[in-house]
């Protein structure tokens, strides 16, 4: 992640990813590297019959 941040040459780097990025090891690595990120929650985390609040 740090190499990617350096390639972008930005201190305010934001990683935008798809839901496949969302896993415990990946999120832990992003947090450890202090990388800001945004990704949708995986569909498997929410029942298809629920409605958002």
PDB file of N, CA and C in Angstrom:
ATOM      1  N   UNK A   1       0.812  -1.187   0.000  1.00  0.00           N
ATOM      2  CA  UNK A   1       0.000   0.000   0.000  1.00  0.00           C
ATOM      3  C   UNK A   1       0.861   1.258   0.000  1.00  0.00           C
ATOM      4  N   UNK A   2       1.945   1.219   0.756  1.00  0.00           N
ATOM      5  CA  UNK A   2       2.806   2.392   0.796  1.00  0.00           C
ATOM      6  C   UNK A   2       3.443   2.658  -0.565  1.00  0.00           C
ATOM      7  N   UNK A   3       3.807   1.600  -1.293  1.00  0.00           N
ATOM      8  CA  UNK A   3       4.376   1.766  -2.630  1.00  0.00           C
ATOM      9  C   UNK A   3       3.347   2.394  -3.572  1.00  0.00           C
ATOM     10  N   UNK A   4       2.101   1.960  -3.468  1.00  0.00           N
ATOM     11  CA  UNK A   4       1.032   2.525  -4.297  1.00  0.00           C
ATOM     12  C   UNK A   4       0.817   3.996  -3.954  1.00  0.00           C
ATOM     13  N   UNK A   5       0.835   4.317  -2.674  1.00  0.00           N
ATOM     14  CA  UNK A   5       0.683   5.702  -2.235  1.00  0.00           C
ATOM     15  C   UNK A   5       1.832   6.562  -2.783  1.00  0.00           C
ATOM     16  N   UNK A   6       3.056   6.020  -2.741  1.00  0.00           N
ATOM     17  CA  UNK A   6       4.206   6.769  -3.250  1.00  0.00           C
ATOM     18  C   UNK A   6       4.108   6.957  -4.770  1.00  0.00           C
ATOM     19  N   UNK A   7       3.614   5.932  -5.484  1.00  0.00           N
ATOM     20  CA  UNK A   7       3.432   6.053  -6.927  1.00  0.00           C
ATOM     21  C   UNK A   7       2.434   7.153  -7.268  1.00  0.00           C
ATOM     22  N   UNK A   8       1.386   7.252  -6.479  1.00  0.00           N
ATOM     23  CA  UNK A   8       0.374   8.280  -6.710  1.00  0.00           C
ATOM     24  C   UNK A   8       0.898   9.664  -6.341  1.00  0.00           C
ATOM     25  N   UNK A   9       1.970   9.709  -5.538  1.00  0.00           N
ATOM     26  CA  UNK A   9       2.600  10.959  -5.111  1.00  0.00           C
ATOM     27  C   UNK A   9       1.596  11.880  -4.420  1.00  0.00           C
ATOM     28  N   UNK A  10       0.799  11.272  -3.529  1.00  0.00           N
ATOM     29  CA  UNK A  10      -0.217  12.037  -2.796  1.00  0.00           C
ATOM     30  C   UNK A  10      -0.168  11.653  -1.325  1.00  0.00           C
ATOM     31  N   UNK A  11      -0.265  12.639  -0.449  1.00  0.00           N
ATOM     32  CA  UNK A  11      -0.356  12.337   0.984  1.00  0.00           C
ATOM     33  C   UNK A  11      -1.794  12.044   1.376  1.00  0.00           C
ATOM     34  N   UNK A  12      -2.739  12.592   0.621  1.00  0.00           N
ATOM     35  CA  UNK A  12      -4.158  12.392   0.917  1.00  0.00           C
ATOM     36  C   UNK A  12      -4.741  11.274   0.052  1.00  0.00           C
ATOM     37  N   UNK A  13      -3.978  10.203  -0.102  1.00  0.00           N
ATOM     38  CA  UNK A  13      -4.344   9.057  -0.934  1.00  0.00           C
ATOM     39  C   UNK A  13      -5.582   8.355  -0.376  1.00  0.00           C
ATOM     40  N   UNK A  14      -6.554   8.084  -1.232  1.00  0.00           N
ATOM     41  CA  UNK A  14      -7.757   7.338  -0.867  1.00  0.00           C
ATOM     42  C   UNK A  14      -7.879   6.152  -1.816  1.00  0.00           C
ATOM     43  N   UNK A  15      -7.898   4.958  -1.263  1.00  0.00           N
ATOM     44  CA  UNK A  15      -8.050   3.751  -2.060  1.00  0.00           C
ATOM     45  C   UNK A  15      -9.536   3.466  -2.234  1.00  0.00           C
ATOM     46  N   UNK A  16      -9.999   3.376  -3.465  1.00  0.00           N
ATOM     47  CA  UNK A  16     -11.386   3.039  -3.772  1.00  0.00           C
ATOM     48  C   UNK A  16     -11.369   1.632  -4.347  1.00  0.00           C
ATOM     49  N   UNK A  17     -12.123   0.738  -3.724  1.00  0.00           N
ATOM     50  CA  UNK A  17     -12.056  -0.673  -4.106  1.00  0.00           C
ATOM     51  C   UNK A  17     -13.448  -1.267  -4.241  1.00  0.00           C
ATOM     52  N   UNK A  18     -13.500  -2.441  -4.831  1.00  0.00           N
ATOM     53  CA  UNK A  18     -14.774  -3.154  -4.899  1.00  0.00           C
ATOM     54  C   UNK A  18     -14.919  -4.043  -3.655  1.00  0.00           C
ATOM     55  N   UNK A  19     -16.038  -4.687  -3.523  1.00  0.00           N
ATOM     56  CA  UNK A  19     -16.338  -5.455  -2.310  1.00  0.00           C
ATOM     57  C   UNK A  19     -15.428  -6.673  -2.143  1.00  0.00           C
ATOM     58  N   UNK A  20     -14.742  -7.097  -3.188  1.00  0.00           N
ATOM     59  CA  UNK A  20     -13.839  -8.246  -3.068  1.00  0.00           C
ATOM     60  C   UNK A  20     -12.625  -7.926  -2.203  1.00  0.00           C
ATOM     61  N   UNK A  21     -12.328  -6.648  -2.015  1.00  0.00           N
ATOM     62  CA  UNK A  21     -11.228  -6.244  -1.141  1.00  0.00           C
ATOM     63  C   UNK A  21     -11.557  -6.490   0.325  1.00  0.00           C
ATOM     64  N   UNK A  22     -12.831  -6.493   0.654  1.00  0.00           N
ATOM     65  CA  UNK A  22     -13.253  -6.547   2.046  1.00  0.00           C
ATOM     66  C   UNK A  22     -13.088  -7.956   2.617  1.00  0.00           C
ATOM     67  N   UNK A  23     -11.997  -8.127   3.359  1.00  0.00           N
ATOM     68  CA  UNK A  23     -11.744  -9.348   4.109  1.00  0.00           C
ATOM     69  C   UNK A  23     -10.950  -8.934   5.344  1.00  0.00           C
ATOM     70  N   UNK A  24     -10.952  -9.761   6.349  1.00  0.00           N
ATOM     71  CA  UNK A  24     -10.248  -9.402   7.579  1.00  0.00           C
ATOM     72  C   UNK A  24      -8.765  -9.137   7.333  1.00  0.00           C
ATOM     73  N   UNK A  25      -8.047 -10.012   6.617  1.00  0.00           N
ATOM     74  CA  UNK A  25      -6.620  -9.739   6.378  1.00  0.00           C
ATOM     75  C   UNK A  25      -6.378  -8.446   5.590  1.00  0.00           C
ATOM     76  N   UNK A  26      -7.203  -8.197   4.572  1.00  0.00           N
ATOM     77  CA  UNK A  26      -7.019  -6.982   3.771  1.00  0.00           C
ATOM     78  C   UNK A  26      -7.314  -5.716   4.572  1.00  0.00           C
ATOM     79  N   UNK A  27      -8.396  -5.725   5.313  1.00  0.00           N
ATOM     80  CA  UNK A  27      -8.755  -4.546   6.113  1.00  0.00           C
ATOM     81  C   UNK A  27      -7.699  -4.309   7.190  1.00  0.00           C
ATOM     82  N   UNK A  28      -7.220  -5.370   7.810  1.00  0.00           N
ATOM     83  CA  UNK A  28      -6.162  -5.237   8.821  1.00  0.00           C
ATOM     84  C   UNK A  28      -4.908  -4.624   8.206  1.00  0.00           C
ATOM     85  N   UNK A  29      -4.515  -5.081   7.016  1.00  0.00           N
ATOM     86  CA  UNK A  29      -3.330  -4.534   6.347  1.00  0.00           C
ATOM     87  C   UNK A  29      -3.523  -3.061   6.003  1.00  0.00           C
ATOM     88  N   UNK A  30      -4.706  -2.698   5.525  1.00  0.00           N
ATOM     89  CA  UNK A  30      -4.976  -1.293   5.209  1.00  0.00           C
ATOM     90  C   UNK A  30      -4.920  -0.419   6.452  1.00  0.00           C
ATOM     91  N   UNK A  31      -5.509  -0.888   7.535  1.00  0.00           N
ATOM     92  CA  UNK A  31      -5.491  -0.119   8.780  1.00  0.00           C
ATOM     93  C   UNK A  31      -4.075  -0.005   9.336  1.00  0.00           C
ATOM     94  N   UNK A  32      -3.318  -1.090   9.292  1.00  0.00           N
ATOM     95  CA  UNK A  32      -1.930  -1.065   9.763  1.00  0.00           C
ATOM     96  C   UNK A  32      -1.083  -0.090   8.953  1.00  0.00           C
ATOM     97  N   UNK A  33      -1.350  -0.004   7.641  1.00  0.00           N
ATOM     98  CA  UNK A  33      -0.601   0.897   6.766  1.00  0.00           C
ATOM     99  C   UNK A  33      -1.150   2.325   6.807  1.00  0.00           C
ATOM    100  N   UNK A  34      -2.227   2.516   7.593  1.00  0.00           N
ATOM    101  CA  UNK A  34      -2.871   3.832   7.715  1.00  0.00           C
ATOM    102  C   UNK A  34      -3.312   4.381   6.351  1.00  0.00           C
ATOM    103  N   UNK A  35      -3.891   3.493   5.540  1.00  0.00           N
ATOM    104  CA  UNK A  35      -4.405   3.858   4.230  1.00  0.00           C
ATOM    105  C   UNK A  35      -5.895   4.144   4.355  1.00  0.00           C
ATOM    106  N   UNK A  36      -6.320   5.298   3.877  1.00  0.00           N
ATOM    107  CA  UNK A  36      -7.749   5.609   3.829  1.00  0.00           C
ATOM    108  C   UNK A  36      -8.363   4.817   2.676  1.00  0.00           C
ATOM    109  N   UNK A  37      -9.514   4.233   2.904  1.00  0.00           N
ATOM    110  CA  UNK A  37     -10.140   3.438   1.854  1.00  0.00           C
ATOM    111  C   UNK A  37     -11.648   3.503   1.958  1.00  0.00           C
ATOM    112  N   UNK A  38     -12.279   3.213   0.839  1.00  0.00           N
ATOM    113  CA  UNK A  38     -13.729   3.112   0.793  1.00  0.00           C
ATOM    114  C   UNK A  38     -14.066   1.937  -0.118  1.00  0.00           C
ATOM    115  N   UNK A  39     -15.021   1.132   0.316  1.00  0.00           N
ATOM    116  CA  UNK A  39     -15.463  -0.023  -0.468  1.00  0.00           C
ATOM    117  C   UNK A  39     -16.876  -0.371  -0.027  1.00  0.00           C
ATOM    118  N   UNK A  40     -17.699  -0.851  -0.936  1.00  0.00           N
ATOM    119  CA  UNK A  40     -19.040  -1.276  -0.535  1.00  0.00           C
ATOM    120  C   UNK A  40     -18.964  -2.534   0.320  1.00  0.00           C
ATOM    121  N   UNK A  41     -19.935  -2.691   1.186  1.00  0.00           N
ATOM    122  CA  UNK A  41     -20.002  -3.912   1.987  1.00  0.00           C
ATOM    123  C   UNK A  41     -20.332  -5.083   1.065  1.00  0.00           C
ATOM    124  N   UNK A  42     -19.729  -6.241   1.302  1.00  0.00           N
ATOM    125  CA  UNK A  42     -20.058  -7.398   0.459  1.00  0.00           C
ATOM    126  C   UNK A  42     -21.527  -7.780   0.599  1.00  0.00           C
ATOM    127  N   UNK A  43     -22.143  -8.193  -0.484  1.00  0.00           N
ATOM    128  CA  UNK A  43     -23.563  -8.561  -0.480  1.00  0.00           C
ATOM    129  C   UNK A  43     -23.838  -9.708   0.482  1.00  0.00           C
ATOM    130  N   UNK A  44     -22.882 -10.588   0.675  1.00  0.00           N
ATOM    131  CA  UNK A  44     -23.072 -11.742   1.564  1.00  0.00           C
ATOM    132  C   UNK A  44     -23.253 -11.325   3.021  1.00  0.00           C
ATOM    133  N   UNK A  45     -22.926 -10.097   3.368  1.00  0.00           N
ATOM    134  CA  UNK A  45     -23.042  -9.638   4.744  1.00  0.00           C
ATOM    135  C   UNK A  45     -24.464  -9.213   5.104  1.00  0.00           C
ATOM    136  N   UNK A  46     -25.351  -9.065   4.114  1.00  0.00           N
ATOM    137  CA  UNK A  46     -26.696  -8.586   4.367  1.00  0.00           C
ATOM    138  C   UNK A  46     -27.714  -9.526   3.739  1.00  0.00           C
ATOM    139  N   UNK A  47     -28.746  -9.884   4.513  1.00  0.00           N
ATOM    140  CA  UNK A  47     -29.802 -10.730   3.925  1.00  0.00           C
ATOM    141  C   UNK A  47     -30.505  -9.995   2.795  1.00  0.00           C
ATOM    142  N   UNK A  48     -30.915 -10.720   1.762  1.00  0.00           N
ATOM    143  CA  UNK A  48     -31.563 -10.084   0.611  1.00  0.00           C
ATOM    144  C   UNK A  48     -32.959  -9.554   0.949  1.00  0.00           C
ATOM    145  N   UNK A  49     -33.567 -10.011   2.045  1.00  0.00           N
ATOM    146  CA  UNK A  49     -34.915  -9.582   2.387  1.00  0.00           C
ATOM    147  C   UNK A  49     -34.939  -8.358   3.290  1.00  0.00           C
ATOM    148  N   UNK A  50     -33.782  -7.918   3.772  1.00  0.00           N
ATOM    149  CA  UNK A  50     -33.777  -6.758   4.661  1.00  0.00           C
ATOM    150  C   UNK A  50     -33.835  -5.468   3.863  1.00  0.00           C
ATOM    151  N   UNK A  51     -34.386  -4.441   4.483  1.00  0.00           N
ATOM    152  CA  UNK A  51     -34.409  -3.128   3.871  1.00  0.00           C
ATOM    153  C   UNK A  51     -33.578  -2.180   4.715  1.00  0.00           C
ATOM    154  N   UNK A  52     -32.854  -1.279   4.070  1.00  0.00           N
ATOM    155  CA  UNK A  52     -32.014  -0.356   4.851  1.00  0.00           C
ATOM    156  C   UNK A  52     -32.874   0.541   5.721  1.00  0.00           C
ATOM    157  N   UNK A  53     -32.321   1.023   6.844  1.00  0.00           N
ATOM    158  CA  UNK A  53     -33.100   1.907   7.726  1.00  0.00           C
ATOM    159  C   UNK A  53     -33.377   3.241   7.089  1.00  0.00           C
TER     160      UNK A  53
END
